[in-house]
Amino acid sequence: VIRIKRPEQFLCFGSNIDCNAGSIIVEGGLRGRTDIDCNAGQVVLNIDGAGESYSWNTNAALGKVTINDNSFLGNSRQRSTGKEKNHIDISCAVGSVDISIE
């Protein structure tokens, strides 16, 4: 398990998060483009949105992607409307990606 807990000022610009097995948990701010590749295991992001707008693309093969209250299961591709300066590109082969933007 890799866990990055929110120090008061954790903020990352342009991130690549790759999970081949196990768990990655990130709490804090993610700005710019964030690429998530979950081949197996679990990625959990608790993003401090702080009024920022986010857009996203998902590609779930056998896995599950959840963004706030929206879940996308196996063999699906979804896209948010529009493309914001804070964009999350998610690929989930097997396992799960759970994103909460607060």
C-alpha atoms as a PDB file:
ATOM      1  CA  VAL A   1       0.000   0.000   0.000  1.00  0.00           C
ATOM      2  CA  ILE A   2       1.305   3.412  -0.945  1.00  0.00           C
ATOM      3  CA  ARG A   3      -0.476   6.135   0.995  1.00  0.00           C
ATOM      4  CA  ILE A   4      -0.016   9.859   0.518  1.00  0.00           C
ATOM      5  CA  LYS A   5      -2.060  11.543   3.204  1.00  0.00           C
ATOM      6  CA  ARG A   6      -2.932  15.151   2.978  1.00  0.00           C
ATOM      7  CA  PRO A   7      -0.360  17.342   4.570  1.00  0.00           C
ATOM      8  CA  GLU A   8      -2.132  20.664   4.747  1.00  0.00           C
ATOM      9  CA  GLN A   9      -0.549  21.927   1.541  1.00  0.00           C
ATOM     10  CA  PHE A  10      -0.138  18.746  -0.587  1.00  0.00           C
ATOM     11  CA  LEU A  11      -0.606  19.876  -4.181  1.00  0.00           C
ATOM     12  CA  CYS A  12       0.635  18.092  -7.287  1.00  0.00           C
ATOM     13  CA  PHE A  13       0.749  19.463 -10.851  1.00  0.00           C
ATOM     14  CA  GLY A  14       0.729  16.937 -13.696  1.00  0.00           C
ATOM     15  CA  SER A  15       0.719  13.422 -12.202  1.00  0.00           C
ATOM     16  CA  ASN A  16       1.210   9.877 -13.485  1.00  0.00           C
ATOM     17  CA  ILE A  17      -0.156   7.195 -11.166  1.00  0.00           C
ATOM     18  CA  ASP A  18       0.552   3.561 -12.129  1.00  0.00           C
ATOM     19  CA  CYS A  19      -0.712   0.624 -10.068  1.00  0.00           C
ATOM     20  CA  ASN A  20       0.220  -2.885 -11.201  1.00  0.00           C
ATOM     21  CA  ALA A  21      -0.833  -4.548  -7.918  1.00  0.00           C
ATOM     22  CA  GLY A  22      -1.671  -3.463  -4.383  1.00  0.00           C
ATOM     23  CA  SER A  23      -3.157  -0.094  -3.433  1.00  0.00           C
ATOM     24  CA  ILE A  24      -2.334   3.552  -3.984  1.00  0.00           C
ATOM     25  CA  ILE A  25      -4.198   6.114  -1.868  1.00  0.00           C
ATOM     26  CA  VAL A  26      -3.725   9.848  -2.466  1.00  0.00           C
ATOM     27  CA  GLU A  27      -5.364  12.674  -0.536  1.00  0.00           C
ATOM     28  CA  GLY A  28      -4.774  16.282  -1.523  1.00  0.00           C
ATOM     29  CA  GLY A  29      -4.796  18.530  -4.563  1.00  0.00           C
ATOM     30  CA  LEU A  30      -4.175  17.341  -8.119  1.00  0.00           C
ATOM     31  CA  ARG A  31      -4.013  20.034 -10.779  1.00  0.00           C
ATOM     32  CA  GLY A  32      -3.318  19.950 -14.496  1.00  0.00           C
ATOM     33  CA  ARG A  33      -3.376  16.598 -16.282  1.00  0.00           C
ATOM     34  CA  THR A  34      -3.458  13.430 -14.166  1.00  0.00           C
ATOM     35  CA  ASP A  35      -2.944  10.033 -15.831  1.00  0.00           C
ATOM     36  CA  ILE A  36      -4.033   6.928 -13.926  1.00  0.00           C
ATOM     37  CA  ASP A  37      -3.195   3.422 -15.117  1.00  0.00           C
ATOM     38  CA  CYS A  38      -4.524   0.634 -12.880  1.00  0.00           C
ATOM     39  CA  ASN A  39      -3.613  -2.779 -14.281  1.00  0.00           C
ATOM     40  CA  ALA A  40      -4.668  -4.565 -11.076  1.00  0.00           C
ATOM     41  CA  GLY A  41      -5.262  -3.510  -7.510  1.00  0.00           C
ATOM     42  CA  GLN A  42      -6.865  -0.285  -6.331  1.00  0.00           C
ATOM     43  CA  VAL A  43      -6.289   3.435  -6.768  1.00  0.00           C
ATOM     44  CA  VAL A  44      -8.147   5.782  -4.396  1.00  0.00           C
ATOM     45  CA  LEU A  45      -7.994   9.555  -4.908  1.00  0.00           C
ATOM     46  CA  ASN A  46      -9.583  12.025  -2.515  1.00  0.00           C
ATOM     47  CA  ILE A  47      -9.065  15.272  -4.400  1.00  0.00           C
ATOM     48  CA  ASP A  48      -9.405  18.650  -2.792  1.00  0.00           C
ATOM     49  CA  GLY A  49     -11.300  20.382  -5.591  1.00  0.00           C
ATOM     50  CA  ALA A  50     -11.292  23.776  -3.865  1.00  0.00           C
ATOM     51  CA  GLY A  51     -13.687  25.148  -6.461  1.00  0.00           C
ATOM     52  CA  GLU A  52     -11.588  23.855  -9.380  1.00  0.00           C
ATOM     53  CA  SER A  53     -13.278  22.229 -12.359  1.00  0.00           C
ATOM     54  CA  TYR A  54     -12.297  18.735 -13.485  1.00  0.00           C
ATOM     55  CA  SER A  55     -12.943  16.737 -16.629  1.00  0.00           C
ATOM     56  CA  TRP A  56     -12.197  13.071 -17.190  1.00  0.00           C
ATOM     57  CA  ASN A  57     -12.007  10.131 -19.615  1.00  0.00           C
ATOM     58  CA  THR A  58     -12.372   6.536 -18.460  1.00  0.00           C
ATOM     59  CA  ASN A  59     -11.483   3.241 -20.065  1.00  0.00           C
ATOM     60  CA  ALA A  60     -12.538   0.267 -17.913  1.00  0.00           C
ATOM     61  CA  ALA A  61     -11.795  -3.200 -19.305  1.00  0.00           C
ATOM     62  CA  LEU A  62     -12.737  -5.640 -16.532  1.00  0.00           C
ATOM     63  CA  GLY A  63     -12.395  -3.125 -13.739  1.00  0.00           C
ATOM     64  CA  LYS A  64     -14.569  -0.510 -12.083  1.00  0.00           C
ATOM     65  CA  VAL A  65     -14.140   3.266 -12.143  1.00  0.00           C
ATOM     66  CA  THR A  66     -16.089   5.439  -9.704  1.00  0.00           C
ATOM     67  CA  ILE A  67     -16.047   9.239  -9.895  1.00  0.00           C
ATOM     68  CA  ASN A  68     -18.017  10.783  -7.041  1.00  0.00           C
ATOM     69  CA  ASP A  69     -21.367   8.955  -7.314  1.00  0.00           C
ATOM     70  CA  ASN A  70     -20.953   7.703 -10.906  1.00  0.00           C
ATOM     71  CA  SER A  71     -19.712   4.140 -11.490  1.00  0.00           C
ATOM     72  CA  PHE A  72     -18.531   2.631 -14.763  1.00  0.00           C
ATOM     73  CA  LEU A  73     -18.054  -1.124 -14.994  1.00  0.00           C
ATOM     74  CA  GLY A  74     -16.215  -3.481 -17.344  1.00  0.00           C
ATOM     75  CA  ASN A  75     -15.741  -2.842 -21.043  1.00  0.00           C
ATOM     76  CA  SER A  76     -16.842   0.774 -20.990  1.00  0.00           C
ATOM     77  CA  ARG A  77     -15.503   4.149 -22.080  1.00  0.00           C
ATOM     78  CA  GLN A  78     -16.938   7.327 -20.636  1.00  0.00           C
ATOM     79  CA  ARG A  79     -16.097  11.002 -20.975  1.00  0.00           C
ATOM     80  CA  SER A  80     -17.189  14.078 -19.096  1.00  0.00           C
ATOM     81  CA  THR A  81     -18.663  16.968 -21.015  1.00  0.00           C
ATOM     82  CA  GLY A  82     -16.029  19.483 -22.042  1.00  0.00           C
ATOM     83  CA  LYS A  83     -12.339  19.439 -21.187  1.00  0.00           C
ATOM     84  CA  GLU A  84     -11.112  21.474 -18.250  1.00  0.00           C
ATOM     85  CA  LYS A  85      -7.567  22.572 -17.392  1.00  0.00           C
ATOM     86  CA  ASN A  86      -7.668  19.923 -14.635  1.00  0.00           C
ATOM     87  CA  HIS A  87      -8.151  16.676 -16.562  1.00  0.00           C
ATOM     88  CA  ILE A  88      -8.005  13.054 -15.339  1.00  0.00           C
ATOM     89  CA  ASP A  89      -7.356  10.256 -17.844  1.00  0.00           C
ATOM     90  CA  ILE A  90      -8.199   6.853 -16.303  1.00  0.00           C
ATOM     91  CA  SER A  91      -7.390   3.376 -17.586  1.00  0.00           C
ATOM     92  CA  CYS A  92      -8.482   0.418 -15.439  1.00  0.00           C
ATOM     93  CA  ALA A  93      -7.802  -3.099 -16.725  1.00  0.00           C
ATOM     94  CA  VAL A  94      -8.657  -5.130 -13.612  1.00  0.00           C
ATOM     95  CA  GLY A  95      -9.271  -3.726 -10.157  1.00  0.00           C
ATOM     96  CA  SER A  96     -10.780  -0.380  -9.242  1.00  0.00           C
ATOM     97  CA  VAL A  97     -10.238   3.351  -9.366  1.00  0.00           C
ATOM     98  CA  ASP A  98     -12.254   5.395  -6.863  1.00  0.00           C
ATOM     99  CA  ILE A  99     -12.171   9.183  -7.168  1.00  0.00           C
ATOM    100  CA  SER A 100     -13.845  11.657  -4.871  1.00  0.00           C
ATOM    101  CA  ILE A 101     -13.625  15.360  -5.736  1.00  0.00           C
ATOM    102  CA  GLU A 102     -14.630  17.527  -2.801  1.00  0.00           C
END
